[in-house]
């Protein structure tokens, strides 16, 4: 058996201390923080060195800004009376004397004859006034003929008085308005009341041109393009007319941009063909087709011309459709467009095919 160890002896305590100290030291380093001994933190409260305490004043002993003693009622009344009676301003500066104090200068000078001789001219004139007016305020008429009394019935004065009396009578008579409530004459209403409908507010050619430019049923976009075209015609320079290709019923070239709708109408009517060519087979025998000219009405003629203008604008390099059409219209007005050649070619074929009009047609 191992001998017993007395823990209460000094030698055993030193042996135990020497054997366990390194192990405990190494174990304390490796042990987690929650197993370590927490040392108490020493705090020192602030305190005065001499130990004296701050003594706060009592509410009765506090001094406030308004703690000055108010003046007595008699002193306040005395101060107010001094300000109101002796001074007119609150800053202590004496005010000017009142106007009712003292005597006027004219009254003082009127007592001294010697001083009146040397007084200003203006004051002398004021004293010399007699109180009468320099003009008459009588309401009596100076011209009795105005009141209907003609003093002399003969002579030029009677005619002048009669004319003056007539003028006064006309001026005093009540004025009868020809058009009550109107500054100018009433507008003339057209006899055809159907034209007042909002559907017919545009020109006939303008509306037809707009609808032929319409694509995919977008009428609003076509109207916008028509507005751009008319603006281009109005702001562009006057066209240089070609004498070989004159326009029908056209105003002077310098006046055409002033009315863009008329500008467009003149251009379209000038290149509109008078007839179309119909190809008829078998009427002359055999399988050859015969060209027969067919007359067109106004709307059909304009439709053909508008189609030619739109097709001719497709060859231009402008990015905007409306700009291309406007440039083509200006080219037609100046005789530089290929639309004129189409019109001349169709008229040439129609003239050569006039002999076929007597040929009976077959359906």
Protein backbone atom coordinates (compact mmCIF):
# COMPACT_ATOMS: atom_id res chain seq x y z
CA UNK A 1 0.00 0.00 0.00
CA UNK A 2 1.07 3.50 -0.70
CA UNK A 3 1.85 5.57 2.35
CA UNK A 4 -0.69 8.14 3.37
CA UNK A 5 0.06 11.77 2.77
CA UNK A 6 -0.75 14.34 5.36
CA UNK A 7 -2.09 17.39 3.63
CA UNK A 8 -1.74 19.58 6.67
CA UNK A 9 2.03 19.37 6.92
CA UNK A 10 4.21 22.03 5.37
CA UNK A 11 6.24 19.56 3.38
CA UNK A 12 3.16 17.97 1.88
CA UNK A 13 1.73 21.36 1.04
CA UNK A 14 4.93 22.39 -0.73
CA UNK A 15 5.09 19.10 -2.62
CA UNK A 16 1.50 19.42 -3.67
CA UNK A 17 2.08 22.99 -4.72
CA UNK A 18 5.14 22.10 -6.80
CA UNK A 19 3.50 19.16 -8.52
CA UNK A 20 0.22 20.79 -9.36
CA UNK A 21 1.29 24.29 -10.30
CA UNK A 22 2.60 23.58 -13.87
CA UNK A 23 -0.37 21.42 -14.66
CA UNK A 24 -2.79 24.01 -13.48
CA UNK A 25 -0.92 26.71 -15.36
CA UNK A 26 -1.01 24.78 -18.59
CA UNK A 27 -4.61 23.84 -18.03
CA UNK A 28 -5.62 27.43 -17.37
CA UNK A 29 -4.12 28.52 -20.69
CA UNK A 30 -5.90 25.85 -22.67
CA UNK A 31 -9.18 26.07 -20.81
CA UNK A 32 -12.00 28.09 -22.42
CA UNK A 33 -12.86 31.55 -21.25
CA UNK A 34 -16.06 30.51 -19.49
CA UNK A 35 -14.06 28.37 -17.00
CA UNK A 36 -11.59 31.11 -16.16
CA UNK A 37 -11.92 33.06 -12.97
CA UNK A 38 -13.50 36.45 -13.45
CA UNK A 39 -11.65 39.15 -11.59
CA UNK A 40 -13.79 41.88 -10.12
CA UNK A 41 -13.39 45.34 -11.72
CA UNK A 42 -12.59 48.06 -9.31
CA UNK A 43 -14.52 51.31 -9.90
CA UNK A 44 -13.96 54.59 -8.13
CA UNK A 45 -16.78 57.05 -7.85
CA UNK A 46 -16.04 60.72 -8.48
CA UNK A 47 -16.22 62.85 -5.43
CA UNK A 48 -15.10 66.26 -4.41
CA UNK A 49 -11.75 66.59 -2.79
CA UNK A 50 -12.90 68.63 0.10
CA UNK A 51 -16.10 66.66 0.48
CA UNK A 52 -18.25 69.78 0.31
CA UNK A 53 -21.68 69.65 -1.34
CA UNK A 54 -23.13 72.18 -3.76
CA UNK A 55 -25.83 74.16 -2.11
CA UNK A 56 -28.70 75.18 -4.41
CA UNK A 57 -30.50 78.42 -3.66
CA UNK A 58 -33.98 78.30 -2.34
CA UNK A 59 -36.87 79.39 -4.58
CA UNK A 60 -37.37 82.49 -2.47
CA UNK A 61 -33.72 83.50 -2.85
CA UNK A 62 -33.51 83.24 -6.70
CA UNK A 63 -33.05 86.43 -8.76
CA UNK A 64 -34.97 86.79 -12.04
CA UNK A 65 -34.56 89.47 -14.79
CA UNK A 66 -37.97 90.92 -13.92
CA UNK A 67 -37.38 91.08 -10.24
CA UNK A 68 -36.88 94.88 -10.29
CA UNK A 69 -39.43 96.78 -8.37
CA UNK A 70 -42.17 98.37 -10.51
CA UNK A 71 -42.65 102.11 -10.26
CA UNK A 72 -45.43 103.53 -8.24
CA UNK A 73 -48.75 104.36 -9.88
CA UNK A 74 -48.25 108.05 -9.28
CA UNK A 75 -44.77 107.99 -10.85
CA UNK A 76 -46.10 106.19 -13.96
CA UNK A 77 -48.90 108.70 -14.37
CA UNK A 78 -46.41 111.53 -13.97
CA UNK A 79 -44.17 110.08 -16.70
CA UNK A 80 -47.08 109.60 -19.12
CA UNK A 81 -48.28 113.16 -18.59
CA UNK A 82 -44.76 114.46 -19.22
CA UNK A 83 -44.54 112.55 -22.52
CA UNK A 84 -48.02 113.50 -23.71
CA UNK A 85 -47.89 117.17 -22.71
CA UNK A 86 -44.32 118.30 -23.18
CA UNK A 87 -43.04 115.87 -25.83
CA UNK A 88 -44.70 114.24 -28.83
CA UNK A 89 -42.07 111.60 -29.50
CA UNK A 90 -41.18 108.66 -27.31
CA UNK A 91 -37.43 108.93 -27.88
CA UNK A 92 -37.14 112.04 -25.71
CA UNK A 93 -36.62 114.52 -28.58
CA UNK A 94 -38.95 117.52 -28.36
CA UNK A 95 -41.42 117.67 -31.23
CA UNK A 96 -42.06 120.62 -33.55
CA UNK A 97 -44.61 123.23 -32.52
CA UNK A 98 -48.20 122.69 -33.54
CA UNK A 99 -49.65 124.44 -36.57
CA UNK A 100 -52.43 126.03 -34.57
CA UNK A 101 -49.94 127.78 -32.31
CA UNK A 102 -48.84 131.31 -33.22
CA UNK A 103 -50.26 133.78 -35.76
CA UNK A 104 -50.10 133.62 -39.58
CA UNK A 105 -47.43 135.67 -41.33
CA UNK A 106 -50.00 137.58 -43.39
CA UNK A 107 -51.76 138.74 -40.25
CA UNK A 108 -48.53 139.98 -38.72
CA UNK A 109 -47.47 141.82 -41.89
CA UNK A 110 -50.89 143.42 -42.32
CA UNK A 111 -50.36 145.30 -39.07
CA UNK A 112 -47.07 146.80 -40.23
CA UNK A 113 -47.35 149.07 -43.27
CA UNK A 114 -43.60 149.32 -43.67
CA UNK A 115 -43.19 145.55 -43.74
CA UNK A 116 -45.92 145.17 -46.35
CA UNK A 117 -43.83 147.09 -48.87
CA UNK A 118 -40.99 144.59 -48.62
CA UNK A 119 -43.08 141.40 -48.41
CA UNK A 120 -42.85 138.84 -51.28
CA UNK A 121 -44.79 139.45 -54.47
CA UNK A 122 -46.84 136.30 -54.05
CA UNK A 123 -48.08 137.37 -50.65
CA UNK A 124 -48.90 140.85 -51.96
CA UNK A 125 -51.04 139.32 -54.73
CA UNK A 126 -52.88 137.19 -52.21
CA UNK A 127 -53.76 140.25 -50.12
CA UNK A 128 -54.86 142.28 -53.14
CA UNK A 129 -57.38 139.71 -54.33
CA UNK A 130 -60.88 141.14 -54.32
CA UNK A 131 -62.64 137.79 -54.20
CA UNK A 132 -64.17 137.97 -57.72
CA UNK A 133 -63.60 135.28 -60.34
CA UNK A 134 -61.80 136.08 -63.56
CA UNK A 135 -64.28 134.01 -65.58
CA UNK A 136 -68.06 133.88 -65.88
CA UNK A 137 -70.11 130.99 -64.54
CA UNK A 138 -73.41 132.17 -65.88
CA UNK A 139 -75.62 129.38 -67.23
CA UNK A 140 -77.37 131.71 -69.68
CA UNK A 141 -76.93 130.60 -73.28
CA UNK A 142 -74.93 132.97 -75.46
CA UNK A 143 -76.57 131.60 -78.65
CA UNK A 144 -80.33 132.06 -78.55
CA UNK A 145 -80.68 130.39 -81.96
CA UNK A 146 -79.67 127.08 -80.42
CA UNK A 147 -82.76 127.18 -78.21
CA UNK A 148 -84.98 127.52 -81.26
CA UNK A 149 -84.99 131.33 -81.47
CA UNK A 150 -83.49 132.58 -84.71
CA UNK A 151 -82.81 136.35 -84.47
CA UNK A 152 -82.43 137.00 -88.20
CA UNK A 153 -84.32 134.88 -90.67
CA UNK A 154 -82.34 136.23 -93.60
CA UNK A 155 -78.63 135.99 -94.33
CA UNK A 156 -75.93 133.36 -93.94
CA UNK A 157 -76.12 133.43 -90.14
CA UNK A 158 -79.64 131.96 -90.29
CA UNK A 159 -78.47 129.03 -92.44
CA UNK A 160 -75.55 128.34 -90.11
CA UNK A 161 -77.81 128.48 -87.07
CA UNK A 162 -80.32 126.11 -88.72
CA UNK A 163 -77.55 123.66 -89.62
CA UNK A 164 -76.19 123.80 -86.08
CA UNK A 165 -79.65 123.20 -84.63
CA UNK A 166 -80.10 120.18 -86.92
CA UNK A 167 -76.77 118.74 -85.83
CA UNK A 168 -77.67 119.14 -82.17
CA UNK A 169 -81.03 117.50 -82.78
CA UNK A 170 -79.41 114.51 -84.46
CA UNK A 171 -76.89 114.18 -81.66
CA UNK A 172 -79.61 114.22 -79.01
CA UNK A 173 -81.83 111.74 -80.85
CA UNK A 174 -81.50 108.08 -79.73
CA UNK A 175 -79.06 106.05 -81.79
CA UNK A 176 -80.58 103.04 -83.55
CA UNK A 177 -78.13 100.20 -84.13
CA UNK A 178 -78.32 98.44 -87.45
CA UNK A 179 -76.84 95.20 -86.10
CA UNK A 180 -77.45 95.15 -82.35
CA UNK A 181 -74.76 93.22 -80.51
CA UNK A 182 -72.47 92.84 -83.54
CA UNK A 183 -69.38 94.86 -84.29
CA UNK A 184 -69.29 93.76 -87.94
CA UNK A 185 -71.90 92.56 -90.40
CA UNK A 186 -73.38 89.12 -90.01
CA UNK A 187 -71.61 86.36 -91.93
CA UNK A 188 -73.29 85.16 -95.08
CA UNK A 189 -74.64 81.66 -94.56
CA UNK A 190 -74.31 79.49 -97.68
CA UNK A 191 -77.50 78.26 -99.24
CA UNK A 192 -76.31 74.67 -99.20
CA UNK A 193 -76.66 73.88 -95.51
CA UNK A 194 -75.02 70.47 -95.99
CA UNK A 195 -71.62 72.14 -96.31
CA UNK A 196 -71.83 73.16 -92.65
CA UNK A 197 -71.39 69.54 -91.62
CA UNK A 198 -68.09 68.77 -89.93
CA UNK A 199 -67.43 65.98 -92.43
CA UNK A 200 -67.11 68.52 -95.24
CA UNK A 201 -64.91 71.04 -93.48
CA UNK A 202 -61.90 70.16 -95.67
CA UNK A 203 -61.45 70.87 -99.35
CA UNK A 204 -62.64 68.12 -101.69
CA UNK A 205 -59.24 67.52 -103.28
CA UNK A 206 -57.45 67.76 -99.94
CA UNK A 207 -59.70 65.11 -98.42
CA UNK A 208 -59.31 62.82 -101.45
CA UNK A 209 -55.52 63.21 -101.44
CA UNK A 210 -55.40 62.47 -97.70
CA UNK A 211 -57.42 59.26 -97.99
CA UNK A 212 -55.31 58.01 -100.89
CA UNK A 213 -52.18 58.46 -98.74
CA UNK A 214 -53.76 56.51 -95.89
CA UNK A 215 -52.26 53.09 -95.18
CA UNK A 216 -53.66 50.39 -92.90
CA UNK A 217 -56.66 52.57 -92.06
CA UNK A 218 -54.56 55.17 -90.16
CA UNK A 219 -56.41 58.32 -91.17
CA UNK A 220 -54.91 60.45 -88.39
CA UNK A 221 -51.39 59.75 -89.61
CA UNK A 222 -52.43 60.58 -93.17
CA UNK A 223 -53.90 63.90 -92.00
CA UNK A 224 -50.65 64.68 -90.20
CA UNK A 225 -48.70 63.98 -93.40
CA UNK A 226 -51.07 66.23 -95.34
CA UNK A 227 -50.43 69.03 -92.86
CA UNK A 228 -46.67 68.64 -93.35
CA UNK A 229 -47.13 68.71 -97.15
CA UNK A 230 -49.17 71.92 -97.05
CA UNK A 231 -46.64 73.50 -94.69
CA UNK A 232 -43.83 72.61 -97.11
CA UNK A 233 -45.74 74.13 -100.03
CA UNK A 234 -46.39 77.30 -98.05
CA UNK A 235 -42.82 77.82 -96.84
CA UNK A 236 -41.00 76.78 -100.02
CA UNK A 237 -39.86 79.27 -102.63
CA UNK A 238 -42.18 80.04 -105.57
CA UNK A 239 -41.89 77.42 -108.34
CA UNK A 240 -40.10 78.25 -111.57
CA UNK A 241 -42.69 77.63 -114.27
CA UNK A 242 -41.84 75.68 -117.41
CA UNK A 243 -43.46 77.31 -120.47
CA UNK A 244 -43.64 73.94 -122.25
CA UNK A 245 -45.70 72.46 -119.43
CA UNK A 246 -48.01 75.21 -118.16
CA UNK A 247 -50.37 74.78 -115.24
CA UNK A 248 -54.14 75.12 -115.70
CA UNK A 249 -55.75 78.26 -114.23
CA UNK A 250 -52.67 78.94 -112.14
CA UNK A 251 -52.09 82.28 -110.39
CA UNK A 252 -48.70 84.00 -110.68
CA UNK A 253 -45.83 81.91 -109.38
CA UNK A 254 -45.09 84.40 -106.60
CA UNK A 255 -48.64 84.02 -105.22
CA UNK A 256 -48.92 80.23 -105.27
CA UNK A 257 -47.26 79.60 -101.86
CA UNK A 258 -49.76 81.98 -100.24
CA UNK A 259 -52.58 79.42 -100.73
CA UNK A 260 -51.15 75.89 -100.39
CA UNK A 261 -54.54 74.20 -100.94
CA UNK A 262 -55.00 76.01 -104.26
CA UNK A 263 -51.36 75.21 -105.06
CA UNK A 264 -52.09 71.50 -104.62
CA UNK A 265 -55.34 71.70 -106.60
CA UNK A 266 -53.70 73.40 -109.59
CA UNK A 267 -50.87 70.85 -109.71
CA UNK A 268 -53.18 67.82 -109.54
CA UNK A 269 -55.64 69.15 -112.13
CA UNK A 270 -52.81 70.04 -114.52
CA UNK A 271 -51.43 66.48 -114.73
CA UNK A 272 -54.78 64.67 -114.47
CA UNK A 273 -55.53 62.66 -117.64
CA UNK A 274 -58.78 63.19 -119.54
CA UNK A 275 -59.43 59.50 -120.23
CA UNK A 276 -58.16 56.04 -119.53
CA UNK A 277 -57.21 53.30 -122.00
CA UNK A 278 -59.30 50.16 -122.04
CA UNK A 279 -57.87 46.98 -123.59
CA UNK A 280 -60.63 45.11 -125.46
CA UNK A 281 -59.92 41.72 -127.05
CA UNK A 282 -61.78 40.12 -129.96
CA UNK A 283 -63.78 43.11 -131.14
CA UNK A 284 -61.73 43.51 -134.32
CA UNK A 285 -61.39 39.80 -135.01
CA UNK A 286 -58.63 37.56 -133.84
CA UNK A 287 -56.99 37.65 -130.44
CA UNK A 288 -55.38 41.09 -130.69
CA UNK A 289 -56.42 43.63 -128.06
CA UNK A 290 -57.80 46.95 -129.17
CA UNK A 291 -57.08 50.11 -127.16
CA UNK A 292 -60.23 52.14 -126.59
CA UNK A 293 -60.13 55.52 -124.75
CA UNK A 294 -62.73 55.89 -121.99
CA UNK A 295 -63.62 59.35 -120.57
CA UNK A 296 -63.19 60.04 -116.84
CA UNK A 297 -65.07 62.33 -114.51
CA UNK A 298 -63.37 64.87 -112.25
CA UNK A 299 -62.91 62.61 -109.24
CA UNK A 300 -61.50 59.78 -111.38
CA UNK A 301 -59.09 62.11 -113.14
CA UNK A 302 -57.78 63.45 -109.85
CA UNK A 303 -57.44 59.97 -108.41
CA UNK A 304 -55.22 58.91 -111.32
CA UNK A 305 -53.03 62.01 -110.98
CA UNK A 306 -52.64 61.51 -107.21
CA UNK A 307 -51.60 57.89 -107.75
CA UNK A 308 -48.97 58.97 -110.24
CA UNK A 309 -47.59 61.59 -107.82
CA UNK A 310 -47.40 59.11 -104.92
CA UNK A 311 -45.70 56.49 -107.12
CA UNK A 312 -43.21 59.08 -108.40
CA UNK A 313 -42.33 60.14 -104.84
CA UNK A 314 -41.23 56.58 -104.00
CA UNK A 315 -38.11 57.06 -106.14
CA UNK A 316 -36.84 59.93 -104.00
CA UNK A 317 -34.28 59.53 -101.23
CA UNK A 318 -35.95 61.54 -98.49
CA UNK A 319 -36.57 59.57 -95.30
CA UNK A 320 -39.97 61.11 -94.59
CA UNK A 321 -42.93 60.09 -96.73
CA UNK A 322 -44.56 63.51 -96.48
CA UNK A 323 -41.35 65.26 -97.55
CA UNK A 324 -41.04 63.00 -100.59
CA UNK A 325 -44.61 63.71 -101.70
CA UNK A 326 -44.18 67.47 -101.16
CA UNK A 327 -40.96 67.49 -103.20
CA UNK A 328 -42.72 65.57 -105.99
CA UNK A 329 -45.56 68.13 -106.06
CA UNK A 330 -43.05 70.98 -106.40
CA UNK A 331 -41.30 69.07 -109.19
CA UNK A 332 -44.63 68.68 -111.02
CA UNK A 333 -45.27 72.42 -110.69
CA UNK A 334 -41.84 73.15 -112.21
CA UNK A 335 -42.28 70.56 -115.00
CA UNK A 336 -39.42 68.29 -113.85
CA UNK A 337 -41.45 65.26 -112.78
CA UNK A 338 -42.04 62.06 -114.74
CA UNK A 339 -45.79 62.43 -114.17
CA UNK A 340 -45.95 64.73 -117.19
CA UNK A 341 -44.50 61.99 -119.40
CA UNK A 342 -47.14 59.51 -118.20
CA UNK A 343 -49.89 61.97 -118.97
CA UNK A 344 -48.51 62.75 -122.45
CA UNK A 345 -48.09 59.05 -123.23
CA UNK A 346 -51.66 58.23 -122.22
CA UNK A 347 -53.06 61.11 -124.26
CA UNK A 348 -51.01 60.00 -127.26
CA UNK A 349 -52.41 56.47 -127.05
CA UNK A 350 -55.94 57.79 -126.62
CA UNK A 351 -55.67 60.05 -129.67
CA UNK A 352 -54.40 57.20 -131.81
CA UNK A 353 -57.23 54.95 -130.61
CA UNK A 354 -60.08 57.32 -131.45
CA UNK A 355 -60.91 55.20 -134.52
CA UNK A 356 -61.79 52.29 -132.26
CA UNK A 357 -64.66 54.15 -130.63
CA UNK A 358 -67.05 53.16 -133.45
CA UNK A 359 -66.25 49.48 -132.97
CA UNK A 360 -69.04 47.67 -131.12
CA UNK A 361 -67.97 46.49 -127.69
CA UNK A 362 -68.43 42.98 -126.47
CA UNK A 363 -68.76 42.00 -122.90
